[in-house]
């Protein structure tokens, strides 16, 4: 089967940063599905691993943790899927990824693809959807509303910093569709500000300018929750200033250091979101990924959530994946980058 991989961690400009290769077709056993990959999305985790993690033997590492495909065979313990099912998923960081024609994935990490979306549109969703969902509901513990009616008495105010990226693009939508929180989103360029406005943010401010003054000028309730998706170390002082006592911060990035003592006097809690934790440690509730992706697929098919595709970069090959890695590393991407077909 065709695949794209690498052996040695290296800068993207090296000749073998990513190469087109041939691998043997894997076989599904246990709870695994063998999936024929149709479309993929690329995430910052891809280029970060490629730059920093080499293969531990002479085999190729295959990246990619966002895909849509068709189930072609199943292990003998599979209960949720059958051959022929169209599915979407993020997968498992400890296994070969989706930059290949065929991939093995545990069924508990997989859901049926939203029927409303094309393969490429659906491939943009899984990793960031899981990240945003866990951040909102597991870590920030914002309550899901019980009905479609918006409760104007809600006091939750969610600040989403870096809202135009992949995680922010679905996080804003989930917050508006499933909670009563007021959403303040940040974006620095006119194009990214328009993008975030289109996703339903109540307010959009510029994170390249002082946050405290901009939030104060909104004349709304104090911020109760912060979703920090970029440069957390740069904004931590501002978070402490704008957050209500007992507020919560959840982050997804990797700051070199954080002075968490600044959080003490307001009793602010800090949470890290890493969407591969459940699959990496084979937690008892791994099937939560299947459940939440299934719920979001229903929201998509009902028209409540839209795809977060920002750019389609062509077929799945080493050249186009290197282009995607370059764009992501530059920090200029709006929404998700997708590729389709081999």
Protein backbone atom coordinates (compact mmCIF):
# COMPACT_ATOMS: atom_id res chain seq x y z
CA UNK A 1 0.00 0.00 0.00
CA UNK A 2 1.04 3.60 -0.57
CA UNK A 3 2.07 5.67 2.45
CA UNK A 4 4.10 8.73 3.42
CA UNK A 5 6.66 8.46 6.18
CA UNK A 6 10.10 9.34 7.53
CA UNK A 7 12.86 7.80 9.65
CA UNK A 8 14.84 10.64 11.18
CA UNK A 9 13.49 13.79 12.83
CA UNK A 10 14.67 16.75 10.77
CA UNK A 11 13.76 20.24 9.58
CA UNK A 12 11.21 20.36 6.81
CA UNK A 13 13.81 21.53 4.26
CA UNK A 14 15.69 18.20 4.34
CA UNK A 15 15.20 15.82 1.39
CA UNK A 16 13.85 12.97 3.51
CA UNK A 17 11.62 14.98 5.88
CA UNK A 18 8.66 13.10 4.36
CA UNK A 19 8.88 10.55 1.52
CA UNK A 20 6.48 8.44 -0.52
CA UNK A 21 6.87 4.75 0.47
CA UNK A 22 5.24 1.32 0.10
CA UNK A 23 4.18 -0.71 3.16
CA UNK A 24 2.55 -4.09 3.69
CA UNK A 25 -1.22 -4.17 4.11
CA UNK A 26 -2.07 -4.59 7.85
CA UNK A 27 -4.57 -7.16 9.14
CA UNK A 28 -7.45 -6.35 11.52
CA UNK A 29 -7.69 -8.38 14.74
CA UNK A 30 -9.46 -7.90 18.09
CA UNK A 31 -11.36 -4.60 18.19
CA UNK A 32 -9.47 -3.09 15.23
CA UNK A 33 -10.99 -1.87 12.01
CA UNK A 34 -8.98 -1.92 8.77
CA UNK A 35 -9.91 1.33 7.06
CA UNK A 36 -9.29 2.38 3.46
CA UNK A 37 -8.33 6.03 3.92
CA UNK A 38 -10.11 8.45 1.58
CA UNK A 39 -9.24 11.88 3.01
CA UNK A 40 -7.09 13.30 5.80
CA UNK A 41 -6.46 16.55 7.65
CA UNK A 42 -3.12 17.79 8.96
CA UNK A 43 -2.57 19.16 12.47
CA UNK A 44 0.27 20.86 14.38
CA UNK A 45 0.97 17.54 16.14
CA UNK A 46 2.13 16.18 12.77
CA UNK A 47 4.91 18.67 12.15
CA UNK A 48 5.91 18.74 15.83
CA UNK A 49 6.46 14.97 15.85
CA UNK A 50 8.22 15.03 12.48
CA UNK A 51 10.65 17.65 13.78
CA UNK A 52 11.36 16.00 17.12
CA UNK A 53 10.71 12.23 17.11
CA UNK A 54 12.77 9.78 15.05
CA UNK A 55 11.90 6.16 14.35
CA UNK A 56 13.21 3.85 17.08
CA UNK A 57 14.30 1.23 14.52
CA UNK A 58 14.87 1.16 10.77
CA UNK A 59 11.15 1.30 9.97
CA UNK A 60 9.26 4.35 8.76
CA UNK A 61 7.05 6.45 11.02
CA UNK A 62 3.68 7.25 9.46
CA UNK A 63 1.98 10.38 10.75
CA UNK A 64 -1.62 11.58 10.48
CA UNK A 65 -4.42 11.69 13.03
CA UNK A 66 -7.51 12.89 11.18
CA UNK A 67 -9.18 10.78 8.55
CA UNK A 68 -12.28 9.60 6.71
CA UNK A 69 -12.42 6.19 5.15
CA UNK A 70 -14.30 2.96 4.47
CA UNK A 71 -14.14 -0.06 6.78
CA UNK A 72 -12.87 -2.95 4.64
CA UNK A 73 -12.42 -5.62 7.33
CA UNK A 74 -12.91 -6.01 11.08
CA UNK A 75 -11.36 -7.90 13.99
CA UNK A 76 -13.21 -10.74 15.68
CA UNK A 77 -14.20 -8.61 18.71
CA UNK A 78 -15.65 -5.63 16.80
CA UNK A 79 -19.21 -4.72 17.80
CA UNK A 80 -19.89 -1.22 16.47
CA UNK A 81 -19.07 -1.40 12.74
CA UNK A 82 -19.30 -3.58 9.65
CA UNK A 83 -17.36 -3.68 6.37
CA UNK A 84 -18.61 -0.96 4.04
CA UNK A 85 -19.25 1.60 6.79
CA UNK A 86 -17.95 5.12 6.13
CA UNK A 87 -16.24 6.46 9.23
CA UNK A 88 -14.26 9.39 10.63
CA UNK A 89 -11.72 9.37 13.45
CA UNK A 90 -8.49 10.79 14.91
CA UNK A 91 -6.92 7.52 15.98
CA UNK A 92 -4.03 6.72 18.30
CA UNK A 93 -0.72 8.58 18.56
CA UNK A 94 1.14 5.35 19.44
CA UNK A 95 0.25 3.61 16.15
CA UNK A 96 0.78 4.24 12.44
CA UNK A 97 -1.30 7.22 11.36
CA UNK A 98 -3.60 8.01 8.47
CA UNK A 99 -0.97 9.12 5.92
CA UNK A 100 -1.43 5.73 4.28
CA UNK A 101 -3.95 3.99 2.03
CA UNK A 102 -4.99 1.62 4.84
CA UNK A 103 -4.91 2.03 8.62
CA UNK A 104 -5.78 -0.03 11.71
CA UNK A 105 -7.86 1.82 14.30
CA UNK A 106 -9.60 0.65 17.48
CA UNK A 107 -13.36 0.86 16.93
CA UNK A 108 -13.84 2.76 20.20
CA UNK A 109 -12.08 5.77 18.65
CA UNK A 110 -14.23 5.80 15.51
CA UNK A 111 -17.71 7.05 14.52
CA UNK A 112 -19.86 6.94 11.41
CA UNK A 113 -19.02 9.81 9.07
CA UNK A 114 -21.47 12.74 8.94
CA UNK A 115 -23.60 12.12 5.83
CA UNK A 116 -23.95 15.84 5.13
CA UNK A 117 -20.22 16.36 4.54
CA UNK A 118 -17.87 15.29 1.77
CA UNK A 119 -14.94 13.08 2.70
CA UNK A 120 -12.54 16.04 2.84
CA UNK A 121 -14.97 18.18 4.84
CA UNK A 122 -15.46 15.41 7.39
CA UNK A 123 -11.73 14.66 7.65
CA UNK A 124 -11.22 18.17 9.03
CA UNK A 125 -13.27 17.43 12.12
CA UNK A 126 -12.20 14.54 14.41
CA UNK A 127 -9.00 15.58 16.23
CA UNK A 128 -10.07 19.15 16.84
CA UNK A 129 -13.61 18.13 17.74
CA UNK A 130 -12.37 15.70 20.39
CA UNK A 131 -9.93 18.31 21.70
CA UNK A 132 -12.57 21.03 21.88
CA UNK A 133 -15.18 18.72 23.44
CA UNK A 134 -12.84 17.45 26.16
CA UNK A 135 -11.63 20.99 26.85
CA UNK A 136 -15.15 22.38 27.17
CA UNK A 137 -16.90 19.61 29.05
CA UNK A 138 -14.22 17.50 30.77
CA UNK A 139 -11.76 20.21 31.85
CA UNK A 140 -13.56 23.56 31.93
CA UNK A 141 -16.71 21.69 33.03
CA UNK A 142 -19.06 24.10 31.28
CA UNK A 143 -22.59 22.73 31.52
CA UNK A 144 -24.39 21.60 28.38
CA UNK A 145 -27.79 23.25 28.13
CA UNK A 146 -30.79 21.00 28.39
CA UNK A 147 -32.81 22.50 25.54
CA UNK A 148 -32.34 24.50 22.37
CA UNK A 149 -33.60 27.63 24.11
CA UNK A 150 -30.80 30.05 24.97
CA UNK A 151 -30.79 30.95 28.64
CA UNK A 152 -29.99 34.66 28.85
CA UNK A 153 -29.45 34.31 32.62
CA UNK A 154 -26.28 32.26 32.13
CA UNK A 155 -23.22 33.85 33.74
CA UNK A 156 -20.62 31.73 31.95
CA UNK A 157 -18.27 33.84 29.84
CA UNK A 158 -15.77 31.88 27.78
CA UNK A 159 -12.65 33.52 26.35
CA UNK A 160 -11.18 31.55 23.41
CA UNK A 161 -7.66 32.72 22.56
CA UNK A 162 -6.52 31.70 19.08
CA UNK A 163 -10.05 31.01 17.88
CA UNK A 164 -9.45 30.91 14.12
CA UNK A 165 -7.30 27.77 14.16
CA UNK A 166 -8.54 24.21 13.91
CA UNK A 167 -9.46 23.70 17.58
CA UNK A 168 -10.86 27.20 18.01
CA UNK A 169 -13.02 26.86 14.91
CA UNK A 170 -14.97 23.93 16.31
CA UNK A 171 -14.73 25.05 19.95
CA UNK A 172 -16.60 28.28 19.23
CA UNK A 173 -19.35 26.33 17.43
CA UNK A 174 -19.72 23.73 20.18
CA UNK A 175 -19.87 26.41 22.85
CA UNK A 176 -22.59 28.32 20.98
CA UNK A 177 -24.63 25.25 20.04
CA UNK A 178 -24.42 23.24 23.26
CA UNK A 179 -23.93 25.72 26.12
CA UNK A 180 -25.33 29.04 27.28
CA UNK A 181 -21.91 30.65 27.56
CA UNK A 182 -21.14 34.06 26.11
CA UNK A 183 -18.16 33.53 23.79
CA UNK A 184 -15.35 36.06 23.38
CA UNK A 185 -13.05 34.89 20.59
CA UNK A 186 -9.68 36.31 19.63
CA UNK A 187 -8.26 36.70 16.14
CA UNK A 188 -5.67 39.16 14.88
CA UNK A 189 -6.15 39.44 11.10
CA UNK A 190 -9.25 40.76 9.28
CA UNK A 191 -9.64 37.43 7.46
CA UNK A 192 -9.44 35.39 10.67
CA UNK A 193 -11.76 37.81 12.47
CA UNK A 194 -14.37 37.37 9.73
CA UNK A 195 -13.94 33.59 9.98
CA UNK A 196 -14.56 33.57 13.74
CA UNK A 197 -17.54 35.91 13.43
CA UNK A 198 -19.03 33.47 10.93
CA UNK A 199 -18.69 30.65 13.46
CA UNK A 200 -20.97 32.48 15.88
CA UNK A 201 -18.71 34.19 18.43
CA UNK A 202 -20.57 36.83 20.44
CA UNK A 203 -17.54 39.14 20.52
CA UNK A 204 -14.25 39.14 18.59
CA UNK A 205 -11.15 40.90 19.91
CA UNK A 206 -7.53 41.10 18.72
CA UNK A 207 -5.00 39.01 20.67
CA UNK A 208 -2.12 41.04 19.22
CA UNK A 209 -3.36 43.94 21.38
CA UNK A 210 -3.81 44.10 25.18
CA UNK A 211 -6.63 41.74 26.15
CA UNK A 212 -7.62 43.30 29.46
CA UNK A 213 -8.57 46.68 28.00
CA UNK A 214 -10.51 45.13 25.11
CA UNK A 215 -12.50 42.82 27.39
CA UNK A 216 -13.23 45.63 29.86
CA UNK A 217 -14.59 47.73 26.99
CA UNK A 218 -17.21 45.06 26.24
CA UNK A 219 -19.05 45.87 29.49
CA UNK A 220 -20.16 42.29 30.08
CA UNK A 221 -19.89 39.87 33.00
CA UNK A 222 -16.44 38.77 34.13
CA UNK A 223 -14.73 35.95 32.24
CA UNK A 224 -15.34 32.63 33.98
CA UNK A 225 -13.46 30.24 31.66
CA UNK A 226 -10.46 30.56 29.34
CA UNK A 227 -9.63 28.22 26.46
CA UNK A 228 -5.99 29.06 25.77
CA UNK A 229 -5.01 27.59 22.41
CA UNK A 230 -1.79 29.48 21.75
CA UNK A 231 1.02 31.34 23.58
CA UNK A 232 -0.39 30.66 27.03
CA UNK A 233 2.78 31.92 28.70
CA UNK A 234 2.37 35.32 27.00
CA UNK A 235 -1.25 35.75 28.08
CA UNK A 236 -1.22 34.28 31.58
CA UNK A 237 -1.09 37.65 33.36
CA UNK A 238 -4.07 38.86 31.32
CA UNK A 239 -6.01 35.70 32.17
CA UNK A 240 -5.46 36.27 35.87
CA UNK A 241 -6.66 39.87 35.51
CA UNK A 242 -9.85 39.13 33.57
CA UNK A 243 -10.90 35.87 35.23
CA UNK A 244 -13.49 35.79 37.96
CA UNK A 245 -12.34 34.21 41.25
CA UNK A 246 -12.63 30.40 41.06
CA UNK A 247 -12.31 30.64 37.28
CA UNK A 248 -10.79 27.96 35.07
CA UNK A 249 -8.07 27.92 32.41
CA UNK A 250 -7.63 25.02 29.97
CA UNK A 251 -4.74 25.00 27.53
CA UNK A 252 -3.59 22.92 24.58
CA UNK A 253 -0.18 24.39 23.75
CA UNK A 254 3.27 23.64 25.16
CA UNK A 255 4.71 26.67 26.99
CA UNK A 256 8.31 26.34 28.15
CA UNK A 257 7.22 27.39 31.64
CA UNK A 258 4.25 28.84 33.53
CA UNK A 259 4.29 30.69 36.84
CA UNK A 260 1.23 28.97 38.27
CA UNK A 261 1.61 30.76 41.62
CA UNK A 262 -0.07 33.73 39.93
CA UNK A 263 -3.31 31.71 39.98
CA UNK A 264 -3.40 31.15 43.73
CA UNK A 265 -5.04 34.31 45.14
CA UNK A 266 -8.06 33.94 42.83
CA UNK A 267 -8.14 30.15 43.27
CA UNK A 268 -7.95 29.75 39.49
CA UNK A 269 -7.65 26.15 38.31
CA UNK A 270 -5.42 25.07 35.43
CA UNK A 271 -6.15 22.12 33.13
CA UNK A 272 -4.23 20.58 30.24
CA UNK A 273 -6.07 19.03 27.31
CA UNK A 274 -4.34 16.30 25.29
CA UNK A 275 -6.81 14.37 23.17
CA UNK A 276 -4.58 11.29 22.82
CA UNK A 277 -4.59 10.54 26.55
CA UNK A 278 -7.49 8.08 26.37
CA UNK A 279 -6.06 6.09 23.45
CA UNK A 280 -2.44 6.29 24.65
CA UNK A 281 -3.25 4.86 28.08
CA UNK A 282 -6.13 2.62 26.96
CA UNK A 283 -8.42 4.17 29.57
CA UNK A 284 -11.63 2.43 30.60
CA UNK A 285 -13.65 5.15 28.85
CA UNK A 286 -11.90 5.12 25.46
CA UNK A 287 -15.30 4.73 23.85
CA UNK A 288 -16.00 8.37 24.79
CA UNK A 289 -14.35 9.31 21.49
CA UNK A 290 -16.86 7.18 19.59
CA UNK A 291 -19.74 8.69 21.57
CA UNK A 292 -18.81 12.35 21.17
CA UNK A 293 -17.93 12.01 17.47
CA UNK A 294 -21.32 10.32 16.98
CA UNK A 295 -23.11 13.21 18.72
CA UNK A 296 -21.22 15.80 16.68
CA UNK A 297 -22.01 13.92 13.45
CA UNK A 298 -25.70 14.31 14.31
CA UNK A 299 -25.20 18.04 14.95
CA UNK A 300 -23.48 18.35 11.58
CA UNK A 301 -26.18 16.43 9.73
CA UNK A 302 -28.81 18.64 11.40
CA UNK A 303 -27.00 21.76 10.17
CA UNK A 304 -26.02 23.01 13.63
CA UNK A 305 -22.25 22.57 13.12
CA UNK A 306 -20.32 23.21 9.90
CA UNK A 307 -17.00 21.88 8.67
CA UNK A 308 -13.86 23.77 9.62
CA UNK A 309 -11.98 23.19 6.34
CA UNK A 310 -9.82 26.18 5.52
CA UNK A 311 -7.87 24.90 2.52
CA UNK A 312 -7.80 21.78 0.29
CA UNK A 313 -4.20 21.00 -0.67
CA UNK A 314 -4.75 18.22 -3.23
CA UNK A 315 -3.96 14.52 -3.18
CA UNK A 316 -2.24 12.66 -0.34
CA UNK A 317 1.48 12.53 -1.14
CA UNK A 318 4.77 13.65 0.37
CA UNK A 319 4.96 16.91 -1.59
CA UNK A 320 1.52 18.10 -0.55
CA UNK A 321 1.98 16.99 3.06
CA UNK A 322 5.25 18.94 3.28
CA UNK A 323 3.34 21.98 2.03
CA UNK A 324 0.73 21.45 4.75
CA UNK A 325 3.41 21.13 7.44
CA UNK A 326 5.02 24.35 6.23
CA UNK A 327 1.76 26.29 6.37
CA UNK A 328 0.96 25.01 9.86
CA UNK A 329 4.43 25.78 11.18
CA UNK A 330 4.10 29.35 9.91
CA UNK A 331 1.02 29.91 12.08
CA UNK A 332 -0.90 31.37 9.14
CA UNK A 333 -3.54 28.66 8.69
CA UNK A 334 -7.23 29.51 9.08
CA UNK A 335 -9.35 26.45 9.80
CA UNK A 336 -8.09 23.00 8.79
CA UNK A 337 -5.84 21.83 5.94
CA UNK A 338 -7.13 18.74 4.11
CA UNK A 339 -5.90 16.33 1.43
CA UNK A 340 -7.87 13.69 -0.45
CA UNK A 341 -7.11 10.49 -2.40
CA UNK A 342 -3.86 8.78 -3.32
